[in-house]
Amino acid sequence: MKSAVTPYTEPLMELFYKALSDPDAEVQSNACFAVGLLIEHSGVDLSPQYLPLLAALRPIFDVPPNASAARLNAKDNAAGSVSRMMVRNATAVPLDQVLPVLIAALPLKNDHLENRPVFRAIFHLFRTNPQSLGPHLDRLLAVFAYVLDPMEPDQISDDARAELIQLIGYLNTEEPGKVQAAGLGAFLPGA
């Protein structure tokens, strides 16, 4: 539907709020995904609802590693939803509180399609607010190494891979020791 969803934004958002607290992990997972898409595509500015949405999404990130696939999917979809919020209006997101939770949820384990909005948000923040990511650089570099590892299944698109390698090149000019320590030297130009 993309932007055609705009007239239905409010009733859908009410439904999604209820679904975010549903005890069924599949329902939560679908609600997380739907909230993200609604934020991304609706013509209605939903940033005034970011704080209550973030509060509703927060418990979904607390998942033990041995959780069911549905719970892990919900966590990955919550990460995608939060990432879509940041891309749509990062100034409405309390990054100092949200980034530690989001970055701790990486790398995504179950729903690699949600890497699309996650990496869009990371690239967006590196372009517009790089200092917000500074405290998380070591963890992000480890995530970058994981998603670029040729021994792992493909987790990001070719376009995201190219942009990520370009970002690693830039980060190498700022923090070469950290980039090398993360095992990312092979992705540098001329390597």
C-alpha atoms as a PDB file:
ATOM      1  CA  MET A   1       0.000   0.000   0.000  1.00  0.00           C
ATOM      2  CA  LYS A   2       2.906   2.343   0.800  1.00  0.00           C
ATOM      3  CA  SER A   3       1.552   5.922   1.165  1.00  0.00           C
ATOM      4  CA  ALA A   4      -1.998   4.758   0.356  1.00  0.00           C
ATOM      5  CA  VAL A   5      -2.098   3.618   3.994  1.00  0.00           C
ATOM      6  CA  THR A   6      -2.207   7.248   5.174  1.00  0.00           C
ATOM      7  CA  PRO A   7      -6.012   7.547   5.658  1.00  0.00           C
ATOM      8  CA  TYR A   8      -5.935   4.438   7.861  1.00  0.00           C
ATOM      9  CA  THR A   9      -2.959   5.447   9.992  1.00  0.00           C
ATOM     10  CA  GLU A  10      -4.777   6.161  13.257  1.00  0.00           C
ATOM     11  CA  PRO A  11      -6.986   3.023  13.443  1.00  0.00           C
ATOM     12  CA  LEU A  12      -4.057   0.856  12.356  1.00  0.00           C
ATOM     13  CA  MET A  13      -1.797   2.397  14.983  1.00  0.00           C
ATOM     14  CA  GLU A  14      -4.384   1.644  17.683  1.00  0.00           C
ATOM     15  CA  LEU A  15      -4.526  -1.968  16.527  1.00  0.00           C
ATOM     16  CA  PHE A  16      -0.727  -2.253  16.407  1.00  0.00           C
ATOM     17  CA  TYR A  17      -0.364  -0.865  19.946  1.00  0.00           C
ATOM     18  CA  LYS A  18      -2.619  -3.664  21.209  1.00  0.00           C
ATOM     19  CA  ALA A  19      -0.749  -6.264  19.177  1.00  0.00           C
ATOM     20  CA  LEU A  20       2.642  -5.152  20.539  1.00  0.00           C
ATOM     21  CA  SER A  21       1.620  -6.380  23.981  1.00  0.00           C
ATOM     22  CA  ASP A  22      -0.067  -9.567  22.766  1.00  0.00           C
ATOM     23  CA  PRO A  23       1.302 -12.668  24.536  1.00  0.00           C
ATOM     24  CA  ASP A  24       1.780 -14.452  21.197  1.00  0.00           C
ATOM     25  CA  ALA A  25       5.263 -13.815  19.790  1.00  0.00           C
ATOM     26  CA  GLU A  26       4.053 -14.106  16.178  1.00  0.00           C
ATOM     27  CA  VAL A  27       1.500 -11.366  16.781  1.00  0.00           C
ATOM     28  CA  GLN A  28       4.184  -9.175  18.378  1.00  0.00           C
ATOM     29  CA  SER A  29       6.548  -9.839  15.504  1.00  0.00           C
ATOM     30  CA  ASN A  30       3.946  -8.848  12.923  1.00  0.00           C
ATOM     31  CA  ALA A  31       3.000  -5.772  14.959  1.00  0.00           C
ATOM     32  CA  CYS A  32       6.639  -4.635  15.139  1.00  0.00           C
ATOM     33  CA  PHE A  33       6.996  -5.015  11.398  1.00  0.00           C
ATOM     34  CA  ALA A  34       3.676  -3.258  10.725  1.00  0.00           C
ATOM     35  CA  VAL A  35       4.512  -0.320  13.007  1.00  0.00           C
ATOM     36  CA  GLY A  36       7.790   0.175  11.167  1.00  0.00           C
ATOM     37  CA  LEU A  37       6.137   0.122   7.770  1.00  0.00           C
ATOM     38  CA  LEU A  38       3.403   2.489   8.927  1.00  0.00           C
ATOM     39  CA  ILE A  39       6.031   4.947  10.186  1.00  0.00           C
ATOM     40  CA  GLU A  40       7.981   4.604   6.965  1.00  0.00           C
ATOM     41  CA  HIS A  41       5.091   5.000   4.532  1.00  0.00           C
ATOM     42  CA  SER A  42       2.281   6.981   6.162  1.00  0.00           C
ATOM     43  CA  GLY A  43       1.926  10.615   5.230  1.00  0.00           C
ATOM     44  CA  VAL A  44       1.006  11.254   8.874  1.00  0.00           C
ATOM     45  CA  ASP A  45       3.909  12.393  11.045  1.00  0.00           C
ATOM     46  CA  LEU A  46       3.969   9.743  13.755  1.00  0.00           C
ATOM     47  CA  SER A  47       6.983  11.172  15.586  1.00  0.00           C
ATOM     48  CA  PRO A  48       4.772  12.483  18.438  1.00  0.00           C
ATOM     49  CA  GLN A  49       4.021   8.811  19.153  1.00  0.00           C
ATOM     50  CA  TYR A  50       7.659   7.697  19.137  1.00  0.00           C
ATOM     51  CA  LEU A  51       8.113   7.713  22.917  1.00  0.00           C
ATOM     52  CA  PRO A  52       5.050   5.555  23.673  1.00  0.00           C
ATOM     53  CA  LEU A  53       5.966   3.309  20.740  1.00  0.00           C
ATOM     54  CA  LEU A  54       9.508   2.919  21.994  1.00  0.00           C
ATOM     55  CA  ALA A  55       8.150   2.044  25.433  1.00  0.00           C
ATOM     56  CA  ALA A  56       5.892  -0.605  23.857  1.00  0.00           C
ATOM     57  CA  LEU A  57       8.759  -2.013  21.775  1.00  0.00           C
ATOM     58  CA  ARG A  58      11.343  -2.066  24.577  1.00  0.00           C
ATOM     59  CA  PRO A  59      10.258  -5.342  26.271  1.00  0.00           C
ATOM     60  CA  ILE A  60      10.430  -7.138  22.922  1.00  0.00           C
ATOM     61  CA  PHE A  61      14.211  -6.638  22.906  1.00  0.00           C
ATOM     62  CA  ASP A  62      14.599  -8.628  26.142  1.00  0.00           C
ATOM     63  CA  VAL A  63      14.884 -12.109  24.708  1.00  0.00           C
ATOM     64  CA  PRO A  64      17.140 -14.924  25.922  1.00  0.00           C
ATOM     65  CA  PRO A  65      19.379 -16.429  23.222  1.00  0.00           C
ATOM     66  CA  ASN A  66      17.542 -19.765  23.459  1.00  0.00           C
ATOM     67  CA  ALA A  67      14.118 -18.151  22.853  1.00  0.00           C
ATOM     68  CA  SER A  68      11.744 -19.482  20.221  1.00  0.00           C
ATOM     69  CA  ALA A  69      12.238 -18.464  16.611  1.00  0.00           C
ATOM     70  CA  ALA A  70       9.082 -16.344  16.841  1.00  0.00           C
ATOM     71  CA  ARG A  71      10.465 -14.371  19.826  1.00  0.00           C
ATOM     72  CA  LEU A  72      13.780 -13.854  18.039  1.00  0.00           C
ATOM     73  CA  ASN A  73      11.886 -12.740  14.923  1.00  0.00           C
ATOM     74  CA  ALA A  74       9.927 -10.254  17.025  1.00  0.00           C
ATOM     75  CA  LYS A  75      13.189  -8.820  18.359  1.00  0.00           C
ATOM     76  CA  ASP A  76      14.607  -8.461  14.831  1.00  0.00           C
ATOM     77  CA  ASN A  77      11.372  -6.818  13.669  1.00  0.00           C
ATOM     78  CA  ALA A  78      11.474  -4.456  16.672  1.00  0.00           C
ATOM     79  CA  ALA A  79      15.014  -3.492  15.618  1.00  0.00           C
ATOM     80  CA  GLY A  80      13.717  -2.784  12.113  1.00  0.00           C
ATOM     81  CA  SER A  81      10.850  -0.717  13.486  1.00  0.00           C
ATOM     82  CA  VAL A  82      13.120   1.415  15.666  1.00  0.00           C
ATOM     83  CA  SER A  83      15.483   1.851  12.724  1.00  0.00           C
ATOM     84  CA  ARG A  84      12.653   3.082  10.517  1.00  0.00           C
ATOM     85  CA  MET A  85      11.779   5.631  13.219  1.00  0.00           C
ATOM     86  CA  MET A  86      15.339   6.941  13.173  1.00  0.00           C
ATOM     87  CA  VAL A  87      15.420   7.248   9.407  1.00  0.00           C
ATOM     88  CA  ARG A  88      12.065   9.015   9.328  1.00  0.00           C
ATOM     89  CA  ASN A  89      12.860  11.460  12.191  1.00  0.00           C
ATOM     90  CA  ALA A  90      15.996  10.799  14.241  1.00  0.00           C
ATOM     91  CA  THR A  91      15.514  13.989  16.246  1.00  0.00           C
ATOM     92  CA  ALA A  92      12.340  12.512  17.777  1.00  0.00           C
ATOM     93  CA  VAL A  93      14.252   9.465  19.054  1.00  0.00           C
ATOM     94  CA  PRO A  94      16.176   9.692  22.349  1.00  0.00           C
ATOM     95  CA  LEU A  95      19.295   8.214  20.750  1.00  0.00           C
ATOM     96  CA  ASP A  96      21.238   8.069  24.012  1.00  0.00           C
ATOM     97  CA  GLN A  97      18.636   5.629  25.363  1.00  0.00           C
ATOM     98  CA  VAL A  98      17.671   3.817  22.174  1.00  0.00           C
ATOM     99  CA  LEU A  99      21.024   3.154  20.503  1.00  0.00           C
ATOM    100  CA  PRO A 100      22.453   0.968  23.302  1.00  0.00           C
ATOM    101  CA  VAL A 101      19.379  -1.300  23.121  1.00  0.00           C
ATOM    102  CA  LEU A 102      19.308  -1.407  19.327  1.00  0.00           C
ATOM    103  CA  ILE A 103      23.024  -2.027  18.907  1.00  0.00           C
ATOM    104  CA  ALA A 104      22.979  -4.731  21.605  1.00  0.00           C
ATOM    105  CA  ALA A 105      20.356  -6.516  19.476  1.00  0.00           C
ATOM    106  CA  LEU A 106      22.786  -6.751  16.563  1.00  0.00           C
ATOM    107  CA  PRO A 107      23.657  -8.690  14.552  1.00  0.00           C
ATOM    108  CA  LEU A 108      20.157  -9.818  13.685  1.00  0.00           C
ATOM    109  CA  LYS A 109      19.802 -13.566  13.975  1.00  0.00           C
ATOM    110  CA  ASN A 110      16.501 -14.594  12.399  1.00  0.00           C
ATOM    111  CA  ASP A 111      14.987 -12.012  10.072  1.00  0.00           C
ATOM    112  CA  HIS A 112      17.863 -10.765   7.952  1.00  0.00           C
ATOM    113  CA  LEU A 113      15.483  -8.718   5.802  1.00  0.00           C
ATOM    114  CA  GLU A 114      15.285  -6.314   8.742  1.00  0.00           C
ATOM    115  CA  ASN A 115      18.961  -5.561   8.136  1.00  0.00           C
ATOM    116  CA  ARG A 116      17.732  -3.269   5.366  1.00  0.00           C
ATOM    117  CA  PRO A 117      16.195  -0.670   7.697  1.00  0.00           C
ATOM    118  CA  VAL A 118      18.828  -1.310  10.383  1.00  0.00           C
ATOM    119  CA  PHE A 119      21.702  -0.509   8.042  1.00  0.00           C
ATOM    120  CA  ARG A 120      19.789   2.396   6.469  1.00  0.00           C
ATOM    121  CA  ALA A 121      19.537   3.840   9.990  1.00  0.00           C
ATOM    122  CA  ILE A 122      23.217   3.206  10.746  1.00  0.00           C
ATOM    123  CA  PHE A 123      24.292   4.839   7.485  1.00  0.00           C
ATOM    124  CA  HIS A 124      21.878   7.726   8.103  1.00  0.00           C
ATOM    125  CA  LEU A 125      23.268   8.339  11.581  1.00  0.00           C
ATOM    126  CA  PHE A 126      26.887   8.135  10.404  1.00  0.00           C
ATOM    127  CA  ARG A 127      26.023  10.847   7.843  1.00  0.00           C
ATOM    128  CA  THR A 128      23.895  13.098  10.048  1.00  0.00           C
ATOM    129  CA  ASN A 129      24.897  12.437  13.673  1.00  0.00           C
ATOM    130  CA  PRO A 130      28.118  10.378  13.793  1.00  0.00           C
ATOM    131  CA  GLN A 131      28.885  11.381  17.372  1.00  0.00           C
ATOM    132  CA  SER A 132      25.807   9.455  18.521  1.00  0.00           C
ATOM    133  CA  LEU A 133      27.447   6.247  17.267  1.00  0.00           C
ATOM    134  CA  GLY A 134      30.923   6.979  18.631  1.00  0.00           C
ATOM    135  CA  PRO A 135      30.419   5.181  21.966  1.00  0.00           C
ATOM    136  CA  HIS A 136      29.178   2.116  20.071  1.00  0.00           C
ATOM    137  CA  LEU A 137      31.912   1.950  17.435  1.00  0.00           C
ATOM    138  CA  ASP A 138      33.622  -1.202  18.740  1.00  0.00           C
ATOM    139  CA  ARG A 139      30.343  -3.125  18.839  1.00  0.00           C
ATOM    140  CA  LEU A 140      29.322  -1.804  15.399  1.00  0.00           C
ATOM    141  CA  LEU A 141      32.647  -2.850  13.889  1.00  0.00           C
ATOM    142  CA  ALA A 142      32.104  -6.367  15.246  1.00  0.00           C
ATOM    143  CA  VAL A 143      28.622  -6.377  13.693  1.00  0.00           C
ATOM    144  CA  PHE A 144      30.060  -5.163  10.387  1.00  0.00           C
ATOM    145  CA  ALA A 145      32.627  -7.991  10.448  1.00  0.00           C
ATOM    146  CA  TYR A 146      29.858 -10.504  11.152  1.00  0.00           C
ATOM    147  CA  VAL A 147      27.567  -9.416   8.312  1.00  0.00           C
ATOM    148  CA  LEU A 148      30.475  -9.222   5.860  1.00  0.00           C
ATOM    149  CA  ASP A 149      31.907 -12.625   6.850  1.00  0.00           C
ATOM    150  CA  PRO A 150      31.933 -14.756   3.686  1.00  0.00           C
ATOM    151  CA  MET A 151      31.437 -17.855   5.854  1.00  0.00           C
ATOM    152  CA  GLU A 152      28.024 -16.554   6.992  1.00  0.00           C
ATOM    153  CA  PRO A 153      24.927 -16.529   4.748  1.00  0.00           C
ATOM    154  CA  ASP A 154      24.259 -13.246   2.937  1.00  0.00           C
ATOM    155  CA  GLN A 155      22.645 -10.853   5.372  1.00  0.00           C
ATOM    156  CA  ILE A 156      22.703  -7.553   3.523  1.00  0.00           C
ATOM    157  CA  SER A 157      22.018  -6.487  -0.039  1.00  0.00           C
ATOM    158  CA  ASP A 158      24.798  -5.779  -2.509  1.00  0.00           C
ATOM    159  CA  ASP A 159      24.036  -2.044  -2.258  1.00  0.00           C
ATOM    160  CA  ALA A 160      24.248  -2.115   1.546  1.00  0.00           C
ATOM    161  CA  ARG A 161      27.460  -4.158   1.318  1.00  0.00           C
ATOM    162  CA  ALA A 162      29.016  -1.561  -0.997  1.00  0.00           C
ATOM    163  CA  GLU A 163      27.934   1.290   1.273  1.00  0.00           C
ATOM    164  CA  LEU A 164      29.200  -0.574   4.336  1.00  0.00           C
ATOM    165  CA  ILE A 165      32.606  -1.170   2.750  1.00  0.00           C
ATOM    166  CA  GLN A 166      32.765   2.531   1.869  1.00  0.00           C
ATOM    167  CA  LEU A 167      31.907   3.390   5.502  1.00  0.00           C
ATOM    168  CA  ILE A 168      34.619   1.028   6.757  1.00  0.00           C
ATOM    169  CA  GLY A 169      37.108   2.829   4.510  1.00  0.00           C
ATOM    170  CA  TYR A 170      36.076   6.138   6.044  1.00  0.00           C
ATOM    171  CA  LEU A 171      36.211   4.752   9.592  1.00  0.00           C
ATOM    172  CA  ASN A 172      39.702   3.441   8.849  1.00  0.00           C
ATOM    173  CA  THR A 173      40.861   7.023   8.287  1.00  0.00           C
ATOM    174  CA  GLU A 174      39.495   7.945  11.733  1.00  0.00           C
ATOM    175  CA  GLU A 175      40.148   4.777  13.775  1.00  0.00           C
ATOM    176  CA  PRO A 176      42.544   2.489  11.847  1.00  0.00           C
ATOM    177  CA  GLY A 177      43.481   0.457  14.926  1.00  0.00           C
ATOM    178  CA  LYS A 178      39.871  -0.351  15.729  1.00  0.00           C
ATOM    179  CA  VAL A 179      39.059  -1.260  12.130  1.00  0.00           C
ATOM    180  CA  GLN A 180      42.055  -3.614  11.969  1.00  0.00           C
ATOM    181  CA  ALA A 181      41.268  -5.103  15.410  1.00  0.00           C
ATOM    182  CA  ALA A 182      37.751  -5.928  14.196  1.00  0.00           C
ATOM    183  CA  GLY A 183      39.221  -7.930  11.326  1.00  0.00           C
ATOM    184  CA  LEU A 184      37.951  -5.535   8.676  1.00  0.00           C
ATOM    185  CA  GLY A 185      41.318  -4.851   6.995  1.00  0.00           C
ATOM    186  CA  ALA A 186      40.414  -7.180   4.130  1.00  0.00           C
ATOM    187  CA  PHE A 187      37.593  -4.823   3.147  1.00  0.00           C
ATOM    188  CA  LEU A 188      39.783  -1.740   2.807  1.00  0.00           C
ATOM    189  CA  PRO A 189      40.644  -0.393  -0.656  1.00  0.00           C
ATOM    190  CA  GLY A 190      43.830  -1.984  -1.926  1.00  0.00           C
ATOM    191  CA  ALA A 191      43.655  -4.875   0.534  1.00  0.00           C
END
